[in-house]
C-alpha atoms as a PDB file:
ATOM      1  CA  MET A   1      -1.195   1.055 -55.994  1.00  0.00           C
ATOM      2  CA  PRO A   2       2.326  -0.325 -55.515  1.00  0.00           C
ATOM      3  CA  LEU A   3       4.565   2.412 -53.871  1.00  0.00           C
ATOM      4  CA  PRO A   4       7.530   4.013 -55.918  1.00  0.00           C
ATOM      5  CA  LEU A   5      10.823   2.676 -55.697  1.00  0.00           C
ATOM      6  CA  ARG A   6      12.079   5.314 -53.374  1.00  0.00           C
ATOM      7  CA  GLN A   7       9.338   5.135 -50.837  1.00  0.00           C
ATOM      8  CA  GLY A   8       9.563   1.179 -51.021  1.00  0.00           C
ATOM      9  CA  LEU A   9      13.510   1.476 -50.265  1.00  0.00           C
ATOM     10  CA  THR A  10      12.832   4.007 -47.290  1.00  0.00           C
ATOM     11  CA  LEU A  11      10.177   1.831 -46.002  1.00  0.00           C
ATOM     12  CA  GLY A  12      12.371  -1.293 -46.314  1.00  0.00           C
ATOM     13  CA  LEU A  13      15.211   0.285 -44.546  1.00  0.00           C
ATOM     14  CA  LEU A  14      13.190   1.621 -42.057  1.00  0.00           C
ATOM     15  CA  ILE A  15      11.973  -1.600 -41.161  1.00  0.00           C
ATOM     16  CA  SER A  16      15.304  -3.067 -41.151  1.00  0.00           C
ATOM     17  CA  SER A  17      16.506  -0.582 -38.757  1.00  0.00           C
ATOM     18  CA  ILE A  18      13.743  -1.302 -36.325  1.00  0.00           C
ATOM     19  CA  ALA A  19      14.310  -4.882 -36.224  1.00  0.00           C
ATOM     20  CA  LEU A  20      18.239  -3.916 -35.897  1.00  0.00           C
ATOM     21  CA  LEU A  21      17.799  -2.009 -33.149  1.00  0.00           C
ATOM     22  CA  SER A  22      14.961  -3.982 -31.138  1.00  0.00           C
ATOM     23  CA  SER A  23      17.278  -6.840 -31.573  1.00  0.00           C
ATOM     24  CA  LEU A  24      19.688  -5.050 -29.163  1.00  0.00           C
ATOM     25  CA  ILE A  25      17.581  -4.824 -25.935  1.00  0.00           C
ATOM     26  CA  PRO A  26      19.817  -5.309 -23.000  1.00  0.00           C
ATOM     27  CA  GLY A  27      19.064  -8.759 -21.243  1.00  0.00           C
ATOM     28  CA  GLY A  28      18.563 -10.256 -24.965  1.00  0.00           C
ATOM     29  CA  PRO A  29      20.731 -12.595 -27.134  1.00  0.00           C
ATOM     30  CA  ILE A  30      23.004 -10.119 -28.611  1.00  0.00           C
ATOM     31  CA  GLU A  31      23.253  -7.159 -25.991  1.00  0.00           C
ATOM     32  CA  ASN A  32      24.336  -8.970 -22.700  1.00  0.00           C
ATOM     33  CA  ARG A  33      26.677  -5.970 -21.289  1.00  0.00           C
ATOM     34  CA  ASP A  34      26.527  -4.611 -17.932  1.00  0.00           C
ATOM     35  CA  PHE A  35      25.788  -0.846 -17.711  1.00  0.00           C
ATOM     36  CA  GLY A  36      25.000  -0.536 -13.864  1.00  0.00           C
ATOM     37  CA  HIS A  37      28.074   1.800 -13.533  1.00  0.00           C
ATOM     38  CA  LEU A  38      26.276   4.332 -15.645  1.00  0.00           C
ATOM     39  CA  GLY A  39      23.601   5.002 -12.860  1.00  0.00           C
ATOM     40  CA  ALA A  40      19.748   4.317 -13.375  1.00  0.00           C
ATOM     41  CA  ILE A  41      19.067   7.633 -14.516  1.00  0.00           C
ATOM     42  CA  LEU A  42      21.492   7.693 -17.478  1.00  0.00           C
ATOM     43  CA  VAL A  43      20.266   4.455 -18.576  1.00  0.00           C
ATOM     44  CA  LEU A  44      16.678   4.847 -18.297  1.00  0.00           C
ATOM     45  CA  SER A  45      17.201   8.127 -20.141  1.00  0.00           C
ATOM     46  CA  PHE A  46      19.298   6.390 -22.897  1.00  0.00           C
ATOM     47  CA  ASN A  47      16.204   3.592 -22.835  1.00  0.00           C
ATOM     48  CA  MET A  48      13.547   6.121 -23.356  1.00  0.00           C
ATOM     49  CA  PHE A  49      15.545   7.664 -26.208  1.00  0.00           C
ATOM     50  CA  LEU A  50      15.759   4.219 -27.970  1.00  0.00           C
ATOM     51  CA  ALA A  51      12.122   3.498 -27.308  1.00  0.00           C
ATOM     52  CA  GLY A  52      11.003   6.888 -28.600  1.00  0.00           C
ATOM     53  CA  LEU A  53      13.334   6.512 -31.926  1.00  0.00           C
ATOM     54  CA  ILE A  54      11.575   2.735 -32.429  1.00  0.00           C
ATOM     55  CA  LEU A  55       8.068   4.601 -32.078  1.00  0.00           C
ATOM     56  CA  ALA A  56       8.759   7.709 -34.264  1.00  0.00           C
ATOM     57  CA  SER A  57      10.567   5.394 -36.714  1.00  0.00           C
ATOM     58  CA  THR A  58       7.160   3.035 -36.590  1.00  0.00           C
ATOM     59  CA  VAL A  59       5.100   6.166 -37.427  1.00  0.00           C
ATOM     60  CA  ALA A  60       7.366   7.353 -40.221  1.00  0.00           C
ATOM     61  CA  VAL A  61       6.655   3.843 -41.619  1.00  0.00           C
ATOM     62  CA  VAL A  62       2.870   4.362 -41.414  1.00  0.00           C
ATOM     63  CA  LEU A  63       3.245   7.917 -42.945  1.00  0.00           C
ATOM     64  CA  ILE A  64       5.349   6.812 -45.814  1.00  0.00           C
ATOM     65  CA  TRP A  65       3.058   3.978 -46.318  1.00  0.00           C
ATOM     66  CA  LYS A  66       0.005   6.418 -46.688  1.00  0.00           C
ATOM     67  CA  ARG A  67       2.057   8.372 -49.016  1.00  0.00           C
ATOM     68  CA  SER A  68       2.303  11.324 -46.369  1.00  0.00           C
ATOM     69  CA  HIS A  69       4.501  14.341 -46.885  1.00  0.00           C
ATOM     70  CA  PHE A  70       6.019  13.943 -43.602  1.00  0.00           C
ATOM     71  CA  GLY A  71       7.118  10.529 -43.760  1.00  0.00           C
ATOM     72  CA  GLY A  72      10.238  11.010 -45.651  1.00  0.00           C
ATOM     73  CA  GLY A  73      11.625  14.079 -43.202  1.00  0.00           C
ATOM     74  CA  LEU A  74      10.902  12.198 -40.201  1.00  0.00           C
ATOM     75  CA  ALA A  75      12.304   9.044 -41.792  1.00  0.00           C
ATOM     76  CA  PHE A  76      15.444  11.302 -42.276  1.00  0.00           C
ATOM     77  CA  LEU A  77      15.394  12.240 -38.773  1.00  0.00           C
ATOM     78  CA  CYS A  78      15.160   8.884 -37.319  1.00  0.00           C
ATOM     79  CA  SER A  79      18.066   7.499 -39.751  1.00  0.00           C
ATOM     80  CA  VAL A  80      20.512  10.167 -38.135  1.00  0.00           C
ATOM     81  CA  GLY A  81      19.162   8.818 -34.829  1.00  0.00           C
ATOM     82  CA  PHE A  82      19.847   5.121 -35.642  1.00  0.00           C
ATOM     83  CA  ALA A  83      23.711   6.458 -37.045  1.00  0.00           C
ATOM     84  CA  GLY A  84      24.269   8.350 -34.125  1.00  0.00           C
ATOM     85  CA  VAL A  85      23.470   5.418 -31.469  1.00  0.00           C
ATOM     86  CA  TYR A  86      25.536   3.156 -33.669  1.00  0.00           C
ATOM     87  CA  LEU A  87      28.453   5.546 -33.805  1.00  0.00           C
ATOM     88  CA  LEU A  88      28.695   6.290 -30.617  1.00  0.00           C
ATOM     89  CA  ASP A  89      28.833   2.585 -29.399  1.00  0.00           C
ATOM     90  CA  LEU A  90      31.460   1.300 -32.089  1.00  0.00           C
ATOM     91  CA  LEU A  91      33.375   4.156 -31.163  1.00  0.00           C
ATOM     92  CA  GLN A  92      33.149   3.294 -27.571  1.00  0.00           C
ATOM     93  CA  ILE A  93      31.804   6.649 -26.702  1.00  0.00           C
ATOM     94  CA  PHE A  94      28.775   5.934 -25.464  1.00  0.00           C
ATOM     95  CA  PRO A  95      27.442   3.736 -23.439  1.00  0.00           C
ATOM     96  CA  THR A  96      30.508   2.413 -22.059  1.00  0.00           C
ATOM     97  CA  SER A  97      30.854  -0.815 -20.416  1.00  0.00           C
ATOM     98  CA  PRO A  98      33.339  -3.029 -18.506  1.00  0.00           C
ATOM     99  CA  THR A  99      31.788  -6.082 -20.234  1.00  0.00           C
ATOM    100  CA  PRO A 100      33.487  -6.295 -23.897  1.00  0.00           C
ATOM    101  CA  MET A 101      31.130  -6.194 -26.659  1.00  0.00           C
ATOM    102  CA  SER A 102      30.687  -9.413 -28.432  1.00  0.00           C
ATOM    103  CA  VAL A 103      31.367 -10.045 -31.832  1.00  0.00           C
ATOM    104  CA  ALA A 104      27.510 -10.488 -32.817  1.00  0.00           C
ATOM    105  CA  LEU A 105      26.826  -7.198 -31.320  1.00  0.00           C
ATOM    106  CA  TYR A 106      29.481  -5.786 -33.252  1.00  0.00           C
ATOM    107  CA  TYR A 107      27.961  -6.887 -36.550  1.00  0.00           C
ATOM    108  CA  VAL A 108      24.333  -6.013 -35.796  1.00  0.00           C
ATOM    109  CA  GLU A 109      25.839  -2.378 -35.140  1.00  0.00           C
ATOM    110  CA  ALA A 110      28.108  -2.540 -38.119  1.00  0.00           C
ATOM    111  CA  ILE A 111      25.141  -3.627 -40.427  1.00  0.00           C
ATOM    112  CA  GLY A 112      22.788  -1.074 -38.766  1.00  0.00           C
ATOM    113  CA  LEU A 113      25.104   1.692 -39.229  1.00  0.00           C
ATOM    114  CA  ILE A 114      25.374   0.735 -43.028  1.00  0.00           C
ATOM    115  CA  ALA A 115      21.395   0.344 -42.996  1.00  0.00           C
ATOM    116  CA  ALA A 116      21.082   3.940 -41.464  1.00  0.00           C
ATOM    117  CA  GLY A 117      23.466   5.578 -43.968  1.00  0.00           C
ATOM    118  CA  LEU A 118      21.397   3.999 -46.947  1.00  0.00           C
ATOM    119  CA  LEU A 119      18.136   5.127 -45.158  1.00  0.00           C
ATOM    120  CA  MET A 120      19.708   8.624 -45.009  1.00  0.00           C
ATOM    121  CA  ALA A 121      20.174   8.563 -48.684  1.00  0.00           C
ATOM    122  CA  ALA A 122      16.935   7.163 -49.568  1.00  0.00           C
ATOM    123  CA  SER A 123      14.884   9.110 -47.296  1.00  0.00           C
ATOM    124  CA  GLN A 124      16.331  12.521 -48.061  1.00  0.00           C
ATOM    125  CA  SER A 125      14.676  12.203 -51.797  1.00  0.00           C
ATOM    126  CA  LEU A 126      11.182  11.838 -49.874  1.00  0.00           C
ATOM    127  CA  ILE A 127      11.585  15.007 -48.148  1.00  0.00           C
ATOM    128  CA  VAL A 128       9.013  17.956 -49.085  1.00  0.00           C
ATOM    129  CA  GLY A 129      10.633  20.496 -50.907  1.00  0.00           C
ATOM    130  CA  LYS A 130      12.683  18.411 -53.090  1.00  0.00           C
ATOM    131  CA  GLY A 131      12.170  19.330 -56.468  1.00  0.00           C
ATOM    132  CA  HIS A 132      12.898  15.874 -57.476  1.00  0.00           C
ATOM    133  CA  ALA A 133      10.571  13.829 -54.867  1.00  0.00           C
ATOM    134  CA  GLU A 134       8.014  11.616 -55.697  1.00  0.00           C
ATOM    135  CA  PRO A 135       4.195  13.123 -55.688  1.00  0.00           C
ATOM    136  CA  LEU A 136       2.866  12.228 -52.250  1.00  0.00           C
ATOM    137  CA  SER A 137      -0.794  12.431 -50.668  1.00  0.00           C
ATOM    138  CA  ASP A 138      -2.423  15.151 -49.619  1.00  0.00           C
ATOM    139  CA  PRO A 139      -0.486  16.012 -46.372  1.00  0.00           C
ATOM    140  CA  THR A 140      -3.262  16.561 -44.318  1.00  0.00           C
ATOM    141  CA  GLY A 141      -4.068  13.030 -44.635  1.00  0.00           C
ATOM    142  CA  SER A 142      -5.210  11.718 -41.322  1.00  0.00           C
ATOM    143  CA  PHE A 143      -3.209   9.557 -39.143  1.00  0.00           C
ATOM    144  CA  ASN A 144      -5.453   8.712 -36.353  1.00  0.00           C
ATOM    145  CA  LEU A 145      -4.727   5.763 -33.170  1.00  0.00           C
ATOM    146  CA  SER A 146      -7.757   4.823 -30.938  1.00  0.00           C
ATOM    147  CA  ILE A 147      -7.219   5.175 -27.331  1.00  0.00           C
ATOM    148  CA  PRO A 148      -7.132   1.636 -26.769  1.00  0.00           C
ATOM    149  CA  MET A 149      -4.296   1.262 -29.407  1.00  0.00           C
ATOM    150  CA  MET A 150      -2.347   4.199 -28.220  1.00  0.00           C
ATOM    151  CA  LEU A 151      -2.962   2.746 -24.300  1.00  0.00           C
ATOM    152  CA  MET A 152      -1.336  -0.602 -25.593  1.00  0.00           C
ATOM    153  CA  ILE A 153       1.703   0.952 -27.092  1.00  0.00           C
ATOM    154  CA  LEU A 154       2.456   2.839 -23.917  1.00  0.00           C
ATOM    155  CA  THR A 155       2.151  -0.207 -21.775  1.00  0.00           C
ATOM    156  CA  VAL A 156       4.421  -2.037 -24.224  1.00  0.00           C
ATOM    157  CA  SER A 157       6.770   0.641 -24.169  1.00  0.00           C
ATOM    158  CA  VAL A 158       6.865   0.919 -20.657  1.00  0.00           C
ATOM    159  CA  GLY A 159       7.380  -2.624 -20.139  1.00  0.00           C
ATOM    160  CA  ILE A 160      10.251  -2.684 -22.641  1.00  0.00           C
ATOM    161  CA  ILE A 161      11.966   0.319 -20.951  1.00  0.00           C
ATOM    162  CA  ALA A 162      11.851  -1.309 -17.782  1.00  0.00           C
ATOM    163  CA  PHE A 163      12.806  -4.532 -18.765  1.00  0.00           C
ATOM    164  CA  ALA A 164      15.894  -2.978 -20.682  1.00  0.00           C
ATOM    165  CA  THR A 165      16.711  -0.633 -17.950  1.00  0.00           C
ATOM    166  CA  ILE A 166      16.651  -3.379 -15.279  1.00  0.00           C
ATOM    167  CA  SER A 167      19.089  -5.881 -17.720  1.00  0.00           C
ATOM    168  CA  ALA A 168      21.412  -3.045 -18.571  1.00  0.00           C
ATOM    169  CA  LEU A 169      21.859  -2.486 -14.588  1.00  0.00           C
ATOM    170  CA  GLY A 170      22.349  -6.236 -13.844  1.00  0.00           C
ATOM    171  CA  LEU A 171      19.257  -5.856 -11.596  1.00  0.00           C
ATOM    172  CA  GLU A 172      17.454  -8.722 -12.816  1.00  0.00           C
ATOM    173  CA  SER A 173      19.676 -10.985 -10.509  1.00  0.00           C
ATOM    174  CA  THR A 174      19.043  -8.693  -7.624  1.00  0.00           C
ATOM    175  CA  LEU A 175      15.279  -8.445  -8.007  1.00  0.00           C
ATOM    176  CA  LEU A 176      15.075 -12.424  -8.179  1.00  0.00           C
ATOM    177  CA  LEU A 177      17.005 -12.927  -5.161  1.00  0.00           C
ATOM    178  CA  ASN A 178      14.632 -10.466  -3.208  1.00  0.00           C
ATOM    179  CA  ARG A 179      11.873 -12.820  -3.969  1.00  0.00           C
END
């Protein structure tokens, strides 16, 4: 049975938001600013937050797909996280860098901010307790991950966080020179 319009729209906006934020991994084609002056702990913490936001959004996608009552609330919380990340960067509050923001980065973040706002509106109607929310499945529906799948997700997450932190601190050239 196809998803109702609100759930499908929320799902599409969540997947778009995940893709937009994922494209901004430091050292990638879009985000190439240097954040070495912020310090390793702050950059590592921020990268862990971003990875957590992407993982939580992925869980929200699964919950909405399974028509769980909790998907809308989690999607709304993720939309606030996405909007906060983009707003802080576009307003040059955090993270700051001596390297200027590229035009591509500016546009991706502006589009991401718009998507986050739309996601807020779409997911709000799916939050449990809303009188006009679409009927969803039993809230006790299971969401199980196997141990190997959890280990794979953890390994990939740690790898991405390490790569992003090394790139953001500008350490990749130092590591290559020490070989």
